[in-house]
């Protein structure tokens, strides 16, 4: 049971970053350091705008 990757746009600096949907650690924006996602024990709580779902084949 694999998870998805999401392209998330930081609302503070407009940087787009790929985030794993089941992240087990807090994910910070690489540019400004704002928290983009927090772990919840399952699906991560993504706190900013999801631009698209990234699928790998």
PDB file of N, CA and C in Angstrom:
ATOM      1  N   UNK A   1       0.845  -1.178   0.000  1.00  0.00           N
ATOM      2  CA  UNK A   1       0.000   0.000   0.000  1.00  0.00           C
ATOM      3  C   UNK A   1       0.888   1.237   0.000  1.00  0.00           C
ATOM      4  N   UNK A   2       1.133   1.760  -1.156  1.00  0.00           N
ATOM      5  CA  UNK A   2       2.025   2.905  -1.306  1.00  0.00           C
ATOM      6  C   UNK A   2       1.263   4.212  -1.148  1.00  0.00           C
ATOM      7  N   UNK A   3       1.992   5.258  -0.824  1.00  0.00           N
ATOM      8  CA  UNK A   3       1.391   6.585  -0.706  1.00  0.00           C
ATOM      9  C   UNK A   3       1.654   7.412  -1.941  1.00  0.00           C
ATOM     10  N   UNK A   4       1.035   8.575  -1.997  1.00  0.00           N
ATOM     11  CA  UNK A   4       1.219   9.492  -3.122  1.00  0.00           C
ATOM     12  C   UNK A   4       2.196  10.594  -2.751  1.00  0.00           C
ATOM     13  N   UNK A   5       2.743  11.204  -3.768  1.00  0.00           N
ATOM     14  CA  UNK A   5       3.556  12.398  -3.609  1.00  0.00           C
ATOM     15  C   UNK A   5       2.731  13.569  -4.106  1.00  0.00           C
ATOM     16  N   UNK A   6       2.852  14.720  -3.448  1.00  0.00           N
ATOM     17  CA  UNK A   6       2.089  15.902  -3.823  1.00  0.00           C
ATOM     18  C   UNK A   6       3.036  17.071  -4.050  1.00  0.00           C
ATOM     19  N   UNK A   7       2.700  17.888  -5.040  1.00  0.00           N
ATOM     20  CA  UNK A   7       3.404  19.146  -5.249  1.00  0.00           C
ATOM     21  C   UNK A   7       2.664  20.183  -4.413  1.00  0.00           C
ATOM     22  N   UNK A   8       3.360  20.767  -3.440  1.00  0.00           N
ATOM     23  CA  UNK A   8       2.738  21.692  -2.487  1.00  0.00           C
ATOM     24  C   UNK A   8       3.363  23.069  -2.657  1.00  0.00           C
ATOM     25  N   UNK A   9       2.513  24.102  -2.719  1.00  0.00           N
ATOM     26  CA  UNK A   9       2.999  25.477  -2.857  1.00  0.00           C
ATOM     27  C   UNK A   9       2.970  26.150  -1.493  1.00  0.00           C
ATOM     28  N   UNK A  10       4.104  26.676  -1.074  1.00  0.00           N
ATOM     29  CA  UNK A  10       4.219  27.417   0.177  1.00  0.00           C
ATOM     30  C   UNK A  10       3.466  28.742   0.030  1.00  0.00           C
ATOM     31  N   UNK A  11       2.569  29.037   0.960  1.00  0.00           N
ATOM     32  CA  UNK A  11       1.794  30.274   0.861  1.00  0.00           C
ATOM     33  C   UNK A  11       2.606  31.501   1.270  1.00  0.00           C
ATOM     34  N   UNK A  12       3.753  31.309   1.914  1.00  0.00           N
ATOM     35  CA  UNK A  12       4.584  32.431   2.329  1.00  0.00           C
ATOM     36  C   UNK A  12       5.521  32.922   1.228  1.00  0.00           C
ATOM     37  N   UNK A  13       6.156  31.978   0.482  1.00  0.00           N
ATOM     38  CA  UNK A  13       7.170  32.382  -0.501  1.00  0.00           C
ATOM     39  C   UNK A  13       6.882  31.880  -1.918  1.00  0.00           C
ATOM     40  N   UNK A  14       5.768  31.146  -2.104  1.00  0.00           N
ATOM     41  CA  UNK A  14       5.338  30.628  -3.412  1.00  0.00           C
ATOM     42  C   UNK A  14       6.249  29.524  -3.963  1.00  0.00           C
ATOM     43  N   UNK A  15       7.157  28.990  -3.163  1.00  0.00           N
ATOM     44  CA  UNK A  15       8.002  27.883  -3.593  1.00  0.00           C
ATOM     45  C   UNK A  15       7.155  26.615  -3.711  1.00  0.00           C
ATOM     46  N   UNK A  16       7.382  25.821  -4.768  1.00  0.00           N
ATOM     47  CA  UNK A  16       6.697  24.535  -4.908  1.00  0.00           C
ATOM     48  C   UNK A  16       7.671  23.430  -4.552  1.00  0.00           C
ATOM     49  N   UNK A  17       7.194  22.480  -3.758  1.00  0.00           N
ATOM     50  CA  UNK A  17       8.046  21.414  -3.256  1.00  0.00           C
ATOM     51  C   UNK A  17       7.247  20.117  -3.243  1.00  0.00           C
ATOM     52  N   UNK A  18       7.908  19.000  -3.524  1.00  0.00           N
ATOM     53  CA  UNK A  18       7.256  17.694  -3.514  1.00  0.00           C
ATOM     54  C   UNK A  18       7.286  17.126  -2.101  1.00  0.00           C
ATOM     55  N   UNK A  19       6.108  16.665  -1.650  1.00  0.00           N
ATOM     56  CA  UNK A  19       5.952  16.153  -0.284  1.00  0.00           C
ATOM     57  C   UNK A  19       5.295  14.775  -0.362  1.00  0.00           C
ATOM     58  N   UNK A  20       5.792  13.815   0.422  1.00  0.00           N
ATOM     59  CA  UNK A  20       5.201  12.485   0.491  1.00  0.00           C
ATOM     60  C   UNK A  20       3.931  12.559   1.328  1.00  0.00           C
ATOM     61  N   UNK A  21       2.862  11.962   0.848  1.00  0.00           N
ATOM     62  CA  UNK A  21       1.570  12.028   1.513  1.00  0.00           C
ATOM     63  C   UNK A  21       1.519  11.350   2.869  1.00  0.00           C
ATOM     64  N   UNK A  22       2.475  10.458   3.162  1.00  0.00           N
ATOM     65  CA  UNK A  22       2.531   9.783   4.458  1.00  0.00           C
ATOM     66  C   UNK A  22       3.844  10.106   5.163  1.00  0.00           C
ATOM     67  N   UNK A  23       4.241  11.367   5.123  1.00  0.00           N
ATOM     68  CA  UNK A  23       5.504  11.801   5.721  1.00  0.00           C
ATOM     69  C   UNK A  23       5.531  11.461   7.209  1.00  0.00           C
ATOM     70  N   UNK A  24       6.653  10.923   7.667  1.00  0.00           N
ATOM     71  CA  UNK A  24       6.790  10.536   9.076  1.00  0.00           C
ATOM     72  C   UNK A  24       7.548  11.575   9.890  1.00  0.00           C
ATOM     73  N   UNK A  25       8.028  12.620   9.231  1.00  0.00           N
ATOM     74  CA  UNK A  25       8.674  13.730   9.927  1.00  0.00           C
ATOM     75  C   UNK A  25       8.089  15.032   9.395  1.00  0.00           C
ATOM     76  N   UNK A  26       8.266  16.093  10.144  1.00  0.00           N
ATOM     77  CA  UNK A  26       7.776  17.398   9.719  1.00  0.00           C
ATOM     78  C   UNK A  26       8.545  17.846   8.484  1.00  0.00           C
ATOM     79  N   UNK A  27       7.827  18.371   7.487  1.00  0.00           N
ATOM     80  CA  UNK A  27       8.445  18.820   6.240  1.00  0.00           C
ATOM     81  C   UNK A  27       8.421  20.344   6.203  1.00  0.00           C
ATOM     82  N   UNK A  28       9.605  20.961   6.075  1.00  0.00           N
ATOM     83  CA  UNK A  28       9.718  22.409   6.031  1.00  0.00           C
ATOM     84  C   UNK A  28      10.022  22.871   4.611  1.00  0.00           C
ATOM     85  N   UNK A  29       9.587  24.076   4.284  1.00  0.00           N
ATOM     86  CA  UNK A  29       9.890  24.677   2.986  1.00  0.00           C
ATOM     87  C   UNK A  29      11.401  24.860   2.873  1.00  0.00           C
ATOM     88  N   UNK A  30      11.957  24.478   1.732  1.00  0.00           N
ATOM     89  CA  UNK A  30      13.399  24.571   1.526  1.00  0.00           C
ATOM     90  C   UNK A  30      13.871  26.017   1.390  1.00  0.00           C
ATOM     91  N   UNK A  31      12.970  26.940   1.096  1.00  0.00           N
ATOM     92  CA  UNK A  31      13.351  28.337   0.891  1.00  0.00           C
ATOM     93  C   UNK A  31      13.199  29.154   2.180  1.00  0.00           C
ATOM     94  N   UNK A  32      11.994  29.119   2.792  1.00  0.00           N
ATOM     95  CA  UNK A  32      11.750  30.004   3.934  1.00  0.00           C
ATOM     96  C   UNK A  32      11.619  29.279   5.275  1.00  0.00           C
ATOM     97  N   UNK A  33      11.524  27.939   5.260  1.00  0.00           N
ATOM     98  CA  UNK A  33      11.479  27.175   6.495  1.00  0.00           C
ATOM     99  C   UNK A  33      10.095  26.985   7.106  1.00  0.00           C
ATOM    100  N   UNK A  34       9.050  27.496   6.464  1.00  0.00           N
ATOM    101  CA  UNK A  34       7.689  27.312   6.952  1.00  0.00           C
ATOM    102  C   UNK A  34       7.321  25.831   6.911  1.00  0.00           C
ATOM    103  N   UNK A  35       6.572  25.347   7.883  1.00  0.00           N
ATOM    104  CA  UNK A  35       6.147  23.951   7.910  1.00  0.00           C
ATOM    105  C   UNK A  35       5.095  23.707   6.840  1.00  0.00           C
ATOM    106  N   UNK A  36       5.370  22.750   5.948  1.00  0.00           N
ATOM    107  CA  UNK A  36       4.442  22.407   4.878  1.00  0.00           C
ATOM    108  C   UNK A  36       3.554  21.230   5.264  1.00  0.00           C
ATOM    109  N   UNK A  37       4.093  20.267   6.006  1.00  0.00           N
ATOM    110  CA  UNK A  37       3.334  19.081   6.389  1.00  0.00           C
ATOM    111  C   UNK A  37       3.789  18.578   7.749  1.00  0.00           C
ATOM    112  N   UNK A  38       2.835  18.014   8.494  1.00  0.00           N
ATOM    113  CA  UNK A  38       3.118  17.440   9.816  1.00  0.00           C
ATOM    114  C   UNK A  38       2.665  15.984   9.818  1.00  0.00           C
ATOM    115  N   UNK A  39       3.434  15.104  10.447  1.00  0.00           N
ATOM    116  CA  UNK A  39       3.023  13.694  10.528  1.00  0.00           C
ATOM    117  C   UNK A  39       1.852  13.523  11.493  1.00  0.00           C
ATOM    118  N   UNK A  40       0.991  12.538  11.200  1.00  0.00           N
ATOM    119  CA  UNK A  40      -0.149  12.264  12.079  1.00  0.00           C
ATOM    120  C   UNK A  40      -0.225  10.797  12.454  1.00  0.00           C
ATOM    121  N   UNK A  41       0.726   9.997  12.010  1.00  0.00           N
ATOM    122  CA  UNK A  41       0.691   8.564  12.264  1.00  0.00           C
ATOM    123  C   UNK A  41       0.142   7.790  11.083  1.00  0.00           C
ATOM    124  N   UNK A  42      -0.362   8.482  10.104  1.00  0.00           N
ATOM    125  CA  UNK A  42      -0.894   7.896   8.864  1.00  0.00           C
ATOM    126  C   UNK A  42      -0.624   8.886   7.750  1.00  0.00           C
ATOM    127  N   UNK A  43      -1.697   9.426   7.174  1.00  0.00           N
ATOM    128  CA  UNK A  43      -1.531  10.470   6.168  1.00  0.00           C
ATOM    129  C   UNK A  43      -1.023  11.741   6.845  1.00  0.00           C
ATOM    130  N   UNK A  44      -0.100  12.416   6.189  1.00  0.00           N
ATOM    131  CA  UNK A  44       0.425  13.658   6.743  1.00  0.00           C
ATOM    132  C   UNK A  44      -0.619  14.763   6.605  1.00  0.00           C
ATOM    133  N   UNK A  45      -0.607  15.696   7.533  1.00  0.00           N
ATOM    134  CA  UNK A  45      -1.481  16.857   7.462  1.00  0.00           C
ATOM    135  C   UNK A  45      -0.749  17.930   6.658  1.00  0.00           C
ATOM    136  N   UNK A  46      -1.191  18.152   5.423  1.00  0.00           N
ATOM    137  CA  UNK A  46      -0.551  19.135   4.554  1.00  0.00           C
ATOM    138  C   UNK A  46      -1.205  20.481   4.809  1.00  0.00           C
ATOM    139  N   UNK A  47      -0.406  21.467   5.215  1.00  0.00           N
ATOM    140  CA  UNK A  47      -0.920  22.740   5.694  1.00  0.00           C
ATOM    141  C   UNK A  47      -0.986  23.835   4.636  1.00  0.00           C
ATOM    142  N   UNK A  48      -0.519  23.564   3.447  1.00  0.00           N
ATOM    143  CA  UNK A  48      -0.541  24.572   2.386  1.00  0.00           C
ATOM    144  C   UNK A  48      -1.221  24.006   1.147  1.00  0.00           C
ATOM    145  N   UNK A  49      -1.285  24.797   0.079  1.00  0.00           N
ATOM    146  CA  UNK A  49      -2.023  24.416  -1.123  1.00  0.00           C
ATOM    147  C   UNK A  49      -1.370  23.250  -1.873  1.00  0.00           C
ATOM    148  N   UNK A  50      -2.154  22.216  -2.153  1.00  0.00           N
ATOM    149  CA  UNK A  50      -1.690  21.108  -2.991  1.00  0.00           C
ATOM    150  C   UNK A  50      -1.938  21.511  -4.435  1.00  0.00           C
ATOM    151  N   UNK A  51      -0.869  21.606  -5.226  1.00  0.00           N
ATOM    152  CA  UNK A  51      -0.961  22.031  -6.615  1.00  0.00           C
ATOM    153  C   UNK A  51      -1.369  20.862  -7.498  1.00  0.00           C
ATOM    154  N   UNK A  52      -0.739  19.699  -7.277  1.00  0.00           N
ATOM    155  CA  UNK A  52      -1.074  18.506  -8.054  1.00  0.00           C
ATOM    156  C   UNK A  52      -0.586  17.263  -7.337  1.00  0.00           C
ATOM    157  N   UNK A  53      -1.162  16.130  -7.739  1.00  0.00           N
ATOM    158  CA  UNK A  53      -0.677  14.831  -7.276  1.00  0.00           C
ATOM    159  C   UNK A  53       0.345  14.335  -8.275  1.00  0.00           C
ATOM    160  N   UNK A  54       1.528  14.009  -7.774  1.00  0.00           N
ATOM    161  CA  UNK A  54       2.611  13.532  -8.640  1.00  0.00           C
ATOM    162  C   UNK A  54       2.546  12.007  -8.647  1.00  0.00           C
ATOM    163  N   UNK A  55       2.412  11.405  -9.818  1.00  0.00           N
ATOM    164  CA  UNK A  55       2.331   9.951  -9.928  1.00  0.00           C
ATOM    165  C   UNK A  55       3.584   9.424 -10.613  1.00  0.00           C
ATOM    166  N   UNK A  56       4.151   8.354 -10.077  1.00  0.00           N
ATOM    167  CA  UNK A  56       5.289   7.711 -10.738  1.00  0.00           C
ATOM    168  C   UNK A  56       4.849   6.384 -11.305  1.00  0.00           C
ATOM    169  N   UNK A  57       5.328   6.046 -12.483  1.00  0.00           N
ATOM    170  CA  UNK A  57       4.918   4.808 -13.138  1.00  0.00           C
ATOM    171  C   UNK A  57       6.093   3.906 -13.338  1.00  0.00           C
TER     172      UNK A  57
END
